[in-house]
Structure formats: structure tokens, C-alpha cells
Amino acid sequence: MLTDASGVLAIDPIGIEPLVPLSKDCPEDLPCRVEDGELWFADTPADLERAKAYCRDCPARLACLAGALERREPWGVWGGEIFERGVIVARKRPRGRPRKDDMVAA
């Protein structure tokens, strides 16, 4: 993954046409259109990881990610990445406080 000086994910736009998910040019058989659309905006980390897994082999993955970055999407899974408050995060933390056992192990 490439990042710029500020740590923001940077994609070389050459050869990647951004994808607009609701456009008529967007194929109907993509995982995000076939599976439950709510999965890509779920609250639970496990559901978001499932959405990322669906994106892994999607032929539109890079175009989707490029489009999300261009539109500055605030939430959801786009192009196999989790966006939270407009920033790509590796994993979403579950709600609530970490367990004490997790804190001691760190």
C-alpha cells in the first residue's frame, strides 16, 4: 500500500477509472450488489471483515477504492478497505472498552 507524506493512502490514478457505485456503468454482478448491501456499512468488526473478504476477488476493487477516495467517503467498506470518519483503518475495533486481559497482554 502506498501512502503520501501525511500517511494518507495514495493510489496512482493512471489506468484506474474511479467507479461510481450507483451509476449505470457499474456491473450488476459485483459482490456489493449481489450480497446484502448493509454488510458494507455494518457496525460489527466481523461483518466488515466479511465485506472485505467479498471485495478481495472483485474485479472492480481498485476502481471502487479510487472512487471512494475521490469522493472522500466517510464510512463503510470500499475497495476492500474500511473507511472510518474518512480515514482508512486496518480493522474496526468493537464497541466498548477493551477487556482488562487485553490491556495487560499489550
PDB file of N, CA and C in Angstrom:
ATOM      1  N   MET A   1       0.837  -1.176   0.000  1.00  0.00           N
ATOM      2  CA  MET A   1       0.000   0.000   0.000  1.00  0.00           C
ATOM      3  C   MET A   1       0.884   1.241   0.000  1.00  0.00           C
ATOM      4  N   LEU A   2       0.588   2.183  -0.823  1.00  0.00           N
ATOM      5  CA  LEU A   2       1.356   3.413  -0.907  1.00  0.00           C
ATOM      6  C   LEU A   2       0.680   4.499  -0.092  1.00  0.00           C
ATOM      7  N   THR A   3       1.503   5.268   0.623  1.00  0.00           N
ATOM      8  CA  THR A   3       0.964   6.395   1.375  1.00  0.00           C
ATOM      9  C   THR A   3       1.769   7.637   1.032  1.00  0.00           C
ATOM     10  N   ASP A   4       1.144   8.799   1.158  1.00  0.00           N
ATOM     11  CA  ASP A   4       1.863  10.040   0.924  1.00  0.00           C
ATOM     12  C   ASP A   4       2.540  10.482   2.216  1.00  0.00           C
ATOM     13  N   ALA A   5       3.152  11.664   2.208  1.00  0.00           N
ATOM     14  CA  ALA A   5       3.905  12.149   3.373  1.00  0.00           C
ATOM     15  C   ALA A   5       3.052  12.276   4.630  1.00  0.00           C
ATOM     16  N   SER A   6       1.741  12.512   4.468  1.00  0.00           N
ATOM     17  CA  SER A   6       0.874  12.664   5.640  1.00  0.00           C
ATOM     18  C   SER A   6       0.310  11.331   6.125  1.00  0.00           C
ATOM     19  N   GLY A   7       0.680  10.218   5.460  1.00  0.00           N
ATOM     20  CA  GLY A   7       0.195   8.910   5.877  1.00  0.00           C
ATOM     21  C   GLY A   7      -1.124   8.510   5.240  1.00  0.00           C
ATOM     22  N   VAL A   8      -1.645   9.322   4.321  1.00  0.00           N
ATOM     23  CA  VAL A   8      -2.912   9.031   3.660  1.00  0.00           C
ATOM     24  C   VAL A   8      -2.642   8.099   2.488  1.00  0.00           C
ATOM     25  N   LEU A   9      -3.507   7.108   2.299  1.00  0.00           N
ATOM     26  CA  LEU A   9      -3.363   6.160   1.202  1.00  0.00           C
ATOM     27  C   LEU A   9      -3.392   6.906  -0.122  1.00  0.00           C
ATOM     28  N   ALA A  10      -2.403   6.653  -0.957  1.00  0.00           N
ATOM     29  CA  ALA A  10      -2.336   7.290  -2.263  1.00  0.00           C
ATOM     30  C   ALA A  10      -2.366   6.215  -3.340  1.00  0.00           C
ATOM     31  N   ILE A  11      -3.230   6.398  -4.319  1.00  0.00           N
ATOM     32  CA  ILE A  11      -3.332   5.455  -5.423  1.00  0.00           C
ATOM     33  C   ILE A  11      -2.919   6.176  -6.690  1.00  0.00           C
ATOM     34  N   ASP A  12      -2.068   5.541  -7.468  1.00  0.00           N
ATOM     35  CA  ASP A  12      -1.689   6.101  -8.754  1.00  0.00           C
ATOM     36  C   ASP A  12      -2.898   6.023  -9.667  1.00  0.00           C
ATOM     37  N   PRO A  13      -3.476   7.159 -10.061  1.00  0.00           N
ATOM     38  CA  PRO A  13      -4.716   7.139 -10.831  1.00  0.00           C
ATOM     39  C   PRO A  13      -4.548   6.689 -12.280  1.00  0.00           C
ATOM     40  N   ILE A  14      -3.313   6.525 -12.738  1.00  0.00           N
ATOM     41  CA  ILE A  14      -3.098   6.138 -14.129  1.00  0.00           C
ATOM     42  C   ILE A  14      -3.658   4.738 -14.358  1.00  0.00           C
ATOM     43  N   GLY A  15      -4.582   4.655 -15.275  1.00  0.00           N
ATOM     44  CA  GLY A  15      -5.168   3.369 -15.628  1.00  0.00           C
ATOM     45  C   GLY A  15      -6.298   2.916 -14.732  1.00  0.00           C
ATOM     46  N   ILE A  16      -6.623   3.657 -13.698  1.00  0.00           N
ATOM     47  CA  ILE A  16      -7.722   3.280 -12.812  1.00  0.00           C
ATOM     48  C   ILE A  16      -8.819   4.320 -12.936  1.00  0.00           C
ATOM     49  N   GLU A  17      -9.898   3.921 -13.543  1.00  0.00           N
ATOM     50  CA  GLU A  17     -11.054   4.818 -13.677  1.00  0.00           C
ATOM     51  C   GLU A  17     -11.900   4.668 -12.414  1.00  0.00           C
ATOM     52  N   PRO A  18     -12.106   5.746 -11.652  1.00  0.00           N
ATOM     53  CA  PRO A  18     -12.923   5.631 -10.434  1.00  0.00           C
ATOM     54  C   PRO A  18     -14.319   5.091 -10.741  1.00  0.00           C
ATOM     55  N   LEU A  19     -14.822   4.283  -9.851  1.00  0.00           N
ATOM     56  CA  LEU A  19     -16.130   3.659 -10.007  1.00  0.00           C
ATOM     57  C   LEU A  19     -17.155   4.392  -9.151  1.00  0.00           C
ATOM     58  N   VAL A  20     -18.275   4.731  -9.747  1.00  0.00           N
ATOM     59  CA  VAL A  20     -19.392   5.332  -9.021  1.00  0.00           C
ATOM     60  C   VAL A  20     -20.399   4.207  -8.809  1.00  0.00           C
ATOM     61  N   PRO A  21     -20.604   3.762  -7.552  1.00  0.00           N
ATOM     62  CA  PRO A  21     -21.395   2.562  -7.285  1.00  0.00           C
ATOM     63  C   PRO A  21     -22.831   2.588  -7.790  1.00  0.00           C
ATOM     64  N   LEU A  22     -23.447   3.731  -7.868  1.00  0.00           N
ATOM     65  CA  LEU A  22     -24.841   3.787  -8.299  1.00  0.00           C
ATOM     66  C   LEU A  22     -25.010   4.126  -9.776  1.00  0.00           C
ATOM     67  N   SER A  23     -23.906   4.223 -10.505  1.00  0.00           N
ATOM     68  CA  SER A  23     -24.011   4.560 -11.925  1.00  0.00           C
ATOM     69  C   SER A  23     -24.476   3.353 -12.734  1.00  0.00           C
ATOM     70  N   LYS A  24     -25.023   3.601 -13.898  1.00  0.00           N
ATOM     71  CA  LYS A  24     -25.473   2.503 -14.754  1.00  0.00           C
ATOM     72  C   LYS A  24     -24.294   1.737 -15.341  1.00  0.00           C
ATOM     73  N   ASP A  25     -23.098   2.313 -15.290  1.00  0.00           N
ATOM     74  CA  ASP A  25     -21.900   1.639 -15.778  1.00  0.00           C
ATOM     75  C   ASP A  25     -21.371   0.601 -14.796  1.00  0.00           C
ATOM     76  N   CYS A  26     -21.845   0.635 -13.579  1.00  0.00           N
ATOM     77  CA  CYS A  26     -21.401  -0.304 -12.552  1.00  0.00           C
ATOM     78  C   CYS A  26     -22.052  -1.670 -12.810  1.00  0.00           C
ATOM     79  N   PRO A  27     -21.241  -2.728 -12.958  1.00  0.00           N
ATOM     80  CA  PRO A  27     -21.814  -4.060 -13.219  1.00  0.00           C
ATOM     81  C   PRO A  27     -22.753  -4.525 -12.110  1.00  0.00           C
ATOM     82  N   GLU A  28     -23.784  -5.242 -12.492  1.00  0.00           N
ATOM     83  CA  GLU A  28     -24.793  -5.722 -11.544  1.00  0.00           C
ATOM     84  C   GLU A  28     -24.337  -6.932 -10.731  1.00  0.00           C
ATOM     85  N   ASP A  29     -23.294  -7.651 -11.189  1.00  0.00           N
ATOM     86  CA  ASP A  29     -22.905  -8.892 -10.531  1.00  0.00           C
ATOM     87  C   ASP A  29     -21.760  -8.736  -9.536  1.00  0.00           C
ATOM     88  N   LEU A  30     -21.443  -7.522  -9.143  1.00  0.00           N
ATOM     89  CA  LEU A  30     -20.395  -7.296  -8.154  1.00  0.00           C
ATOM     90  C   LEU A  30     -20.882  -7.758  -6.775  1.00  0.00           C
ATOM     91  N   PRO A  31     -19.966  -8.215  -5.912  1.00  0.00           N
ATOM     92  CA  PRO A  31     -20.385  -8.712  -4.591  1.00  0.00           C
ATOM     93  C   PRO A  31     -21.236  -7.725  -3.799  1.00  0.00           C
ATOM     94  N   CYS A  32     -20.925  -6.443  -3.864  1.00  0.00           N
ATOM     95  CA  CYS A  32     -21.671  -5.447  -3.102  1.00  0.00           C
ATOM     96  C   CYS A  32     -23.083  -5.236  -3.643  1.00  0.00           C
ATOM     97  N   ARG A  33     -23.336  -5.710  -4.847  1.00  0.00           N
ATOM     98  CA  ARG A  33     -24.671  -5.596  -5.425  1.00  0.00           C
ATOM     99  C   ARG A  33     -25.447  -6.893  -5.289  1.00  0.00           C
ATOM    100  N   VAL A  34     -24.737  -8.011  -5.140  1.00  0.00           N
ATOM    101  CA  VAL A  34     -25.385  -9.320  -5.037  1.00  0.00           C
ATOM    102  C   VAL A  34     -25.683  -9.672  -3.576  1.00  0.00           C
ATOM    103  N   GLU A  35     -24.718  -9.398  -2.708  1.00  0.00           N
ATOM    104  CA  GLU A  35     -24.874  -9.683  -1.277  1.00  0.00           C
ATOM    105  C   GLU A  35     -25.668  -8.557  -0.610  1.00  0.00           C
ATOM    106  N   ASP A  36     -25.964  -8.730   0.669  1.00  0.00           N
ATOM    107  CA  ASP A  36     -26.686  -7.724   1.435  1.00  0.00           C
ATOM    108  C   ASP A  36     -25.853  -6.447   1.534  1.00  0.00           C
ATOM    109  N   GLY A  37     -26.343  -5.358   0.982  1.00  0.00           N
ATOM    110  CA  GLY A  37     -25.623  -4.091   0.961  1.00  0.00           C
ATOM    111  C   GLY A  37     -25.309  -3.532   2.336  1.00  0.00           C
ATOM    112  N   GLU A  38     -26.108  -3.903   3.329  1.00  0.00           N
ATOM    113  CA  GLU A  38     -25.873  -3.421   4.702  1.00  0.00           C
ATOM    114  C   GLU A  38     -24.551  -3.936   5.275  1.00  0.00           C
ATOM    115  N   LEU A  39     -24.075  -5.047   4.736  1.00  0.00           N
ATOM    116  CA  LEU A  39     -22.839  -5.651   5.225  1.00  0.00           C
ATOM    117  C   LEU A  39     -21.664  -4.685   5.085  1.00  0.00           C
ATOM    118  N   TRP A  40     -21.655  -3.865   4.031  1.00  0.00           N
ATOM    119  CA  TRP A  40     -20.557  -2.939   3.774  1.00  0.00           C
ATOM    120  C   TRP A  40     -20.602  -1.709   4.687  1.00  0.00           C
ATOM    121  N   PHE A  41     -21.660  -1.595   5.485  1.00  0.00           N
ATOM    122  CA  PHE A  41     -21.794  -0.473   6.422  1.00  0.00           C
ATOM    123  C   PHE A  41     -22.153  -0.979   7.818  1.00  0.00           C
ATOM    124  N   ALA A  42     -21.764  -2.212   8.113  1.00  0.00           N
ATOM    125  CA  ALA A  42     -22.113  -2.855   9.381  1.00  0.00           C
ATOM    126  C   ALA A  42     -21.387  -2.204  10.555  1.00  0.00           C
ATOM    127  N   ASP A  43     -21.911  -2.449  11.744  1.00  0.00           N
ATOM    128  CA  ASP A  43     -21.284  -1.943  12.971  1.00  0.00           C
ATOM    129  C   ASP A  43     -20.262  -2.912  13.541  1.00  0.00           C
ATOM    130  N   THR A  44     -20.440  -4.194  13.281  1.00  0.00           N
ATOM    131  CA  THR A  44     -19.561  -5.187  13.906  1.00  0.00           C
ATOM    132  C   THR A  44     -18.310  -5.432  13.069  1.00  0.00           C
ATOM    133  N   PRO A  45     -17.171  -5.543  13.725  1.00  0.00           N
ATOM    134  CA  PRO A  45     -15.923  -5.824  13.005  1.00  0.00           C
ATOM    135  C   PRO A  45     -15.993  -7.113  12.174  1.00  0.00           C
ATOM    136  N   ALA A  46     -16.661  -8.131  12.685  1.00  0.00           N
ATOM    137  CA  ALA A  46     -16.746  -9.404  11.954  1.00  0.00           C
ATOM    138  C   ALA A  46     -17.473  -9.229  10.619  1.00  0.00           C
ATOM    139  N   ASP A  47     -18.563  -8.465  10.614  1.00  0.00           N
ATOM    140  CA  ASP A  47     -19.295  -8.226   9.374  1.00  0.00           C
ATOM    141  C   ASP A  47     -18.469  -7.399   8.385  1.00  0.00           C
ATOM    142  N   LEU A  48     -17.734  -6.425   8.882  1.00  0.00           N
ATOM    143  CA  LEU A  48     -16.886  -5.628   7.999  1.00  0.00           C
ATOM    144  C   LEU A  48     -15.778  -6.477   7.395  1.00  0.00           C
ATOM    145  N   GLU A  49     -15.242  -7.407   8.177  1.00  0.00           N
ATOM    146  CA  GLU A  49     -14.216  -8.313   7.651  1.00  0.00           C
ATOM    147  C   GLU A  49     -14.805  -9.221   6.568  1.00  0.00           C
ATOM    148  N   ARG A  50     -16.067  -9.633   6.738  1.00  0.00           N
ATOM    149  CA  ARG A  50     -16.737 -10.423   5.688  1.00  0.00           C
ATOM    150  C   ARG A  50     -16.866  -9.610   4.409  1.00  0.00           C
ATOM    151  N   ALA A  51     -17.244  -8.341   4.534  1.00  0.00           N
ATOM    152  CA  ALA A  51     -17.364  -7.470   3.359  1.00  0.00           C
ATOM    153  C   ALA A  51     -16.007  -7.319   2.677  1.00  0.00           C
ATOM    154  N   LYS A  52     -14.948  -7.132   3.469  1.00  0.00           N
ATOM    155  CA  LYS A  52     -13.609  -7.027   2.894  1.00  0.00           C
ATOM    156  C   LYS A  52     -13.237  -8.304   2.144  1.00  0.00           C
ATOM    157  N   ALA A  53     -13.627  -9.452   2.674  1.00  0.00           N
ATOM    158  CA  ALA A  53     -13.330 -10.725   2.022  1.00  0.00           C
ATOM    159  C   ALA A  53     -14.047 -10.830   0.676  1.00  0.00           C
ATOM    160  N   TYR A  54     -15.290 -10.366   0.607  1.00  0.00           N
ATOM    161  CA  TYR A  54     -16.016 -10.353  -0.664  1.00  0.00           C
ATOM    162  C   TYR A  54     -15.293  -9.465  -1.680  1.00  0.00           C
ATOM    163  N   CYS A  55     -14.719  -8.375  -1.226  1.00  0.00           N
ATOM    164  CA  CYS A  55     -14.038  -7.433  -2.119  1.00  0.00           C
ATOM    165  C   CYS A  55     -12.717  -7.990  -2.660  1.00  0.00           C
ATOM    166  N   ARG A  56     -12.126  -8.905  -1.941  1.00  0.00           N
ATOM    167  CA  ARG A  56     -10.780  -9.383  -2.267  1.00  0.00           C
ATOM    168  C   ARG A  56     -10.633  -9.796  -3.734  1.00  0.00           C
ATOM    169  N   ASP A  57     -11.592 -10.543  -4.272  1.00  0.00           N
ATOM    170  CA  ASP A  57     -11.505 -11.028  -5.645  1.00  0.00           C
ATOM    171  C   ASP A  57     -12.372 -10.242  -6.618  1.00  0.00           C
ATOM    172  N   CYS A  58     -12.920  -9.133  -6.191  1.00  0.00           N
ATOM    173  CA  CYS A  58     -13.812  -8.340  -7.035  1.00  0.00           C
ATOM    174  C   CYS A  58     -13.009  -7.662  -8.151  1.00  0.00           C
ATOM    175  N   PRO A  59     -13.462  -7.784  -9.389  1.00  0.00           N
ATOM    176  CA  PRO A  59     -12.730  -7.151 -10.496  1.00  0.00           C
ATOM    177  C   PRO A  59     -12.760  -5.623 -10.455  1.00  0.00           C
ATOM    178  N   ALA A  60     -13.664  -5.039  -9.704  1.00  0.00           N
ATOM    179  CA  ALA A  60     -13.779  -3.581  -9.631  1.00  0.00           C
ATOM    180  C   ALA A  60     -13.149  -3.014  -8.359  1.00  0.00           C
ATOM    181  N   ARG A  61     -12.398  -3.822  -7.633  1.00  0.00           N
ATOM    182  CA  ARG A  61     -11.872  -3.416  -6.323  1.00  0.00           C
ATOM    183  C   ARG A  61     -11.069  -2.110  -6.380  1.00  0.00           C
ATOM    184  N   LEU A  62     -10.097  -2.028  -7.265  1.00  0.00           N
ATOM    185  CA  LEU A  62      -9.260  -0.824  -7.314  1.00  0.00           C
ATOM    186  C   LEU A  62     -10.040   0.394  -7.795  1.00  0.00           C
ATOM    187  N   ALA A  63     -10.934   0.198  -8.753  1.00  0.00           N
ATOM    188  CA  ALA A  63     -11.750   1.315  -9.226  1.00  0.00           C
ATOM    189  C   ALA A  63     -12.686   1.796  -8.125  1.00  0.00           C
ATOM    190  N   CYS A  64     -13.222   0.860  -7.345  1.00  0.00           N
ATOM    191  CA  CYS A  64     -14.095   1.205  -6.224  1.00  0.00           C
ATOM    192  C   CYS A  64     -13.322   2.008  -5.179  1.00  0.00           C
ATOM    193  N   LEU A  65     -12.123   1.545  -4.850  1.00  0.00           N
ATOM    194  CA  LEU A  65     -11.293   2.240  -3.866  1.00  0.00           C
ATOM    195  C   LEU A  65     -10.924   3.633  -4.376  1.00  0.00           C
ATOM    196  N   ALA A  66     -10.549   3.730  -5.644  1.00  0.00           N
ATOM    197  CA  ALA A  66     -10.200   5.033  -6.220  1.00  0.00           C
ATOM    198  C   ALA A  66     -11.400   5.987  -6.170  1.00  0.00           C
ATOM    199  N   GLY A  67     -12.581   5.465  -6.474  1.00  0.00           N
ATOM    200  CA  GLY A  67     -13.786   6.294  -6.421  1.00  0.00           C
ATOM    201  C   GLY A  67     -14.094   6.759  -5.011  1.00  0.00           C
ATOM    202  N   ALA A  68     -13.932   5.868  -4.037  1.00  0.00           N
ATOM    203  CA  ALA A  68     -14.206   6.219  -2.641  1.00  0.00           C
ATOM    204  C   ALA A  68     -13.238   7.298  -2.153  1.00  0.00           C
ATOM    205  N   LEU A  69     -11.981   7.175  -2.540  1.00  0.00           N
ATOM    206  CA  LEU A  69     -11.000   8.188  -2.150  1.00  0.00           C
ATOM    207  C   LEU A  69     -11.308   9.521  -2.821  1.00  0.00           C
ATOM    208  N   GLU A  70     -11.697   9.469  -4.068  1.00  0.00           N
ATOM    209  CA  GLU A  70     -12.033  10.696  -4.806  1.00  0.00           C
ATOM    210  C   GLU A  70     -13.250  11.388  -4.201  1.00  0.00           C
ATOM    211  N   ARG A  71     -14.252  10.587  -3.784  1.00  0.00           N
ATOM    212  CA  ARG A  71     -15.477  11.144  -3.194  1.00  0.00           C
ATOM    213  C   ARG A  71     -15.331  11.439  -1.709  1.00  0.00           C
ATOM    214  N   ARG A  72     -14.209  11.018  -1.120  1.00  0.00           N
ATOM    215  CA  ARG A  72     -13.948  11.187   0.315  1.00  0.00           C
ATOM    216  C   ARG A  72     -15.046  10.533   1.157  1.00  0.00           C
ATOM    217  N   GLU A  73     -15.297   9.260   0.858  1.00  0.00           N
ATOM    218  CA  GLU A  73     -16.329   8.518   1.584  1.00  0.00           C
ATOM    219  C   GLU A  73     -16.021   8.507   3.080  1.00  0.00           C
ATOM    220  N   PRO A  74     -17.006   8.794   3.919  1.00  0.00           N
ATOM    221  CA  PRO A  74     -16.755   8.832   5.359  1.00  0.00           C
ATOM    222  C   PRO A  74     -16.819   7.465   6.046  1.00  0.00           C
ATOM    223  N   TRP A  75     -17.627   6.528   5.558  1.00  0.00           N
ATOM    224  CA  TRP A  75     -17.865   5.272   6.260  1.00  0.00           C
ATOM    225  C   TRP A  75     -17.964   4.120   5.274  1.00  0.00           C
ATOM    226  N   GLY A  76     -17.785   2.919   5.790  1.00  0.00           N
ATOM    227  CA  GLY A  76     -18.067   1.714   5.022  1.00  0.00           C
ATOM    228  C   GLY A  76     -16.839   1.025   4.477  1.00  0.00           C
ATOM    229  N   VAL A  77     -17.079  -0.084   3.814  1.00  0.00           N
ATOM    230  CA  VAL A  77     -16.028  -0.836   3.136  1.00  0.00           C
ATOM    231  C   VAL A  77     -16.096  -0.466   1.658  1.00  0.00           C
ATOM    232  N   TRP A  78     -14.992   0.023   1.151  1.00  0.00           N
ATOM    233  CA  TRP A  78     -14.892   0.438  -0.253  1.00  0.00           C
ATOM    234  C   TRP A  78     -13.597  -0.127  -0.806  1.00  0.00           C
ATOM    235  N   GLY A  79     -13.697  -0.898  -1.873  1.00  0.00           N
ATOM    236  CA  GLY A  79     -12.485  -1.450  -2.480  1.00  0.00           C
ATOM    237  C   GLY A  79     -11.693  -2.332  -1.543  1.00  0.00           C
ATOM    238  N   GLY A  80     -12.379  -2.981  -0.626  1.00  0.00           N
ATOM    239  CA  GLY A  80     -11.708  -3.883   0.309  1.00  0.00           C
ATOM    240  C   GLY A  80     -11.048  -3.203   1.495  1.00  0.00           C
ATOM    241  N   GLU A  81     -11.285  -1.928   1.671  1.00  0.00           N
ATOM    242  CA  GLU A  81     -10.718  -1.175   2.802  1.00  0.00           C
ATOM    243  C   GLU A  81     -11.837  -0.602   3.658  1.00  0.00           C
ATOM    244  N   ILE A  82     -11.597  -0.529   4.966  1.00  0.00           N
ATOM    245  CA  ILE A  82     -12.582   0.030   5.885  1.00  0.00           C
ATOM    246  C   ILE A  82     -12.317   1.526   6.039  1.00  0.00           C
ATOM    247  N   PHE A  83     -13.343   2.312   5.771  1.00  0.00           N
ATOM    248  CA  PHE A  83     -13.275   3.763   5.971  1.00  0.00           C
ATOM    249  C   PHE A  83     -14.018   4.081   7.259  1.00  0.00           C
ATOM    250  N   GLU A  84     -13.363   4.816   8.137  1.00  0.00           N
ATOM    251  CA  GLU A  84     -13.995   5.262   9.376  1.00  0.00           C
ATOM    252  C   GLU A  84     -13.651   6.732   9.575  1.00  0.00           C
ATOM    253  N   ARG A  85     -14.672   7.571   9.572  1.00  0.00           N
ATOM    254  CA  ARG A  85     -14.504   9.034   9.653  1.00  0.00           C
ATOM    255  C   ARG A  85     -13.590   9.547   8.536  1.00  0.00           C
ATOM    256  N   GLY A  86     -13.723   8.940   7.353  1.00  0.00           N
ATOM    257  CA  GLY A  86     -12.974   9.385   6.187  1.00  0.00           C
ATOM    258  C   GLY A  86     -11.539   8.901   6.102  1.00  0.00           C
ATOM    259  N   VAL A  87     -11.132   8.052   7.033  1.00  0.00           N
ATOM    260  CA  VAL A  87      -9.765   7.542   7.069  1.00  0.00           C
ATOM    261  C   VAL A  87      -9.804   6.028   6.916  1.00  0.00           C
ATOM    262  N   ILE A  88      -8.859   5.486   6.173  1.00  0.00           N
ATOM    263  CA  ILE A  88      -8.775   4.030   6.037  1.00  0.00           C
ATOM    264  C   ILE A  88      -8.140   3.463   7.297  1.00  0.00           C
ATOM    265  N   VAL A  89      -8.806   2.470   7.871  1.00  0.00           N
ATOM    266  CA  VAL A  89      -8.293   1.791   9.061  1.00  0.00           C
ATOM    267  C   VAL A  89      -8.134   0.307   8.744  1.00  0.00           C
ATOM    268  N   ALA A  90      -7.146  -0.322   9.364  1.00  0.00           N
ATOM    269  CA  ALA A  90      -6.893  -1.740   9.100  1.00  0.00           C
ATOM    270  C   ALA A  90      -8.038  -2.609   9.616  1.00  0.00           C
ATOM    271  N   ARG A  91      -8.493  -2.305  10.829  1.00  0.00           N
ATOM    272  CA  ARG A  91      -9.584  -3.062  11.450  1.00  0.00           C
ATOM    273  C   ARG A  91     -10.418  -2.119  12.290  1.00  0.00           C
ATOM    274  N   LYS A  92     -11.683  -2.420  12.348  1.00  0.00           N
ATOM    275  CA  LYS A  92     -12.555  -1.638  13.222  1.00  0.00           C
ATOM    276  C   LYS A  92     -12.569  -2.294  14.588  1.00  0.00           C
ATOM    277  N   ARG A  93     -12.405  -1.488  15.605  1.00  0.00           N
ATOM    278  CA  ARG A  93     -12.458  -2.012  16.972  1.00  0.00           C
ATOM    279  C   ARG A  93     -13.904  -2.241  17.367  1.00  0.00           C
ATOM    280  N   PRO A  94     -14.146  -3.262  18.182  1.00  0.00           N
ATOM    281  CA  PRO A  94     -15.513  -3.465  18.675  1.00  0.00           C
ATOM    282  C   PRO A  94     -15.906  -2.328  19.612  1.00  0.00           C
ATOM    283  N   ARG A  95     -17.199  -2.157  19.792  1.00  0.00           N
ATOM    284  CA  ARG A  95     -17.691  -1.109  20.685  1.00  0.00           C
ATOM    285  C   ARG A  95     -17.334  -1.436  22.122  1.00  0.00           C
ATOM    286  N   GLY A  96     -17.221  -0.409  22.920  1.00  0.00           N
ATOM    287  CA  GLY A  96     -16.951  -0.594  24.348  1.00  0.00           C
ATOM    288  C   GLY A  96     -15.469  -0.514  24.673  1.00  0.00           C
ATOM    289  N   ARG A  97     -15.185  -0.723  25.928  1.00  0.00           N
ATOM    290  CA  ARG A  97     -13.811  -0.653  26.411  1.00  0.00           C
ATOM    291  C   ARG A  97     -13.108  -1.977  26.172  1.00  0.00           C
ATOM    292  N   PRO A  98     -11.782  -1.950  25.985  1.00  0.00           N
ATOM    293  CA  PRO A  98     -11.044  -3.208  25.866  1.00  0.00           C
ATOM    294  C   PRO A  98     -11.098  -3.977  27.186  1.00  0.00           C
ATOM    295  N   ARG A  99     -11.062  -5.297  27.086  1.00  0.00           N
ATOM    296  CA  ARG A  99     -11.042  -6.105  28.307  1.00  0.00           C
ATOM    297  C   ARG A  99      -9.720  -5.901  29.023  1.00  0.00           C
ATOM    298  N   LYS A 100      -9.723  -6.045  30.349  1.00  0.00           N
ATOM    299  CA  LYS A 100      -8.508  -5.861  31.132  1.00  0.00           C
ATOM    300  C   LYS A 100      -7.445  -6.865  30.717  1.00  0.00           C
ATOM    301  N   ASP A 101      -7.829  -8.077  30.360  1.00  0.00           N
ATOM    302  CA  ASP A 101      -6.866  -9.090  29.919  1.00  0.00           C
ATOM    303  C   ASP A 101      -6.119  -8.620  28.683  1.00  0.00           C
ATOM    304  N   ASP A 102      -6.810  -7.962  27.771  1.00  0.00           N
ATOM    305  CA  ASP A 102      -6.171  -7.443  26.542  1.00  0.00           C
ATOM    306  C   ASP A 102      -5.190  -6.343  26.864  1.00  0.00           C
ATOM    307  N   MET A 103      -5.499  -5.517  27.850  1.00  0.00           N
ATOM    308  CA  MET A 103      -4.642  -4.396  28.200  1.00  0.00           C
ATOM    309  C   MET A 103      -3.358  -4.889  28.880  1.00  0.00           C
ATOM    310  N   VAL A 104      -3.449  -5.928  29.701  1.00  0.00           N
ATOM    311  CA  VAL A 104      -2.294  -6.463  30.399  1.00  0.00           C
ATOM    312  C   VAL A 104      -1.344  -7.123  29.409  1.00  0.00           C
ATOM    313  N   ALA A 105      -1.887  -7.813  28.399  1.00  0.00           N
ATOM    314  CA  ALA A 105      -1.069  -8.518  27.418  1.00  0.00           C
ATOM    315  C   ALA A 105      -0.284  -7.553  26.530  1.00  0.00           C
ATOM    316  N   ALA A 106      -0.759  -6.331  26.387  1.00  0.00           N
ATOM    317  CA  ALA A 106      -0.088  -5.365  25.491  1.00  0.00           C
ATOM    318  C   ALA A 106       1.082  -4.750  26.127  1.00  0.00           C
TER     319      ALA A 106
END
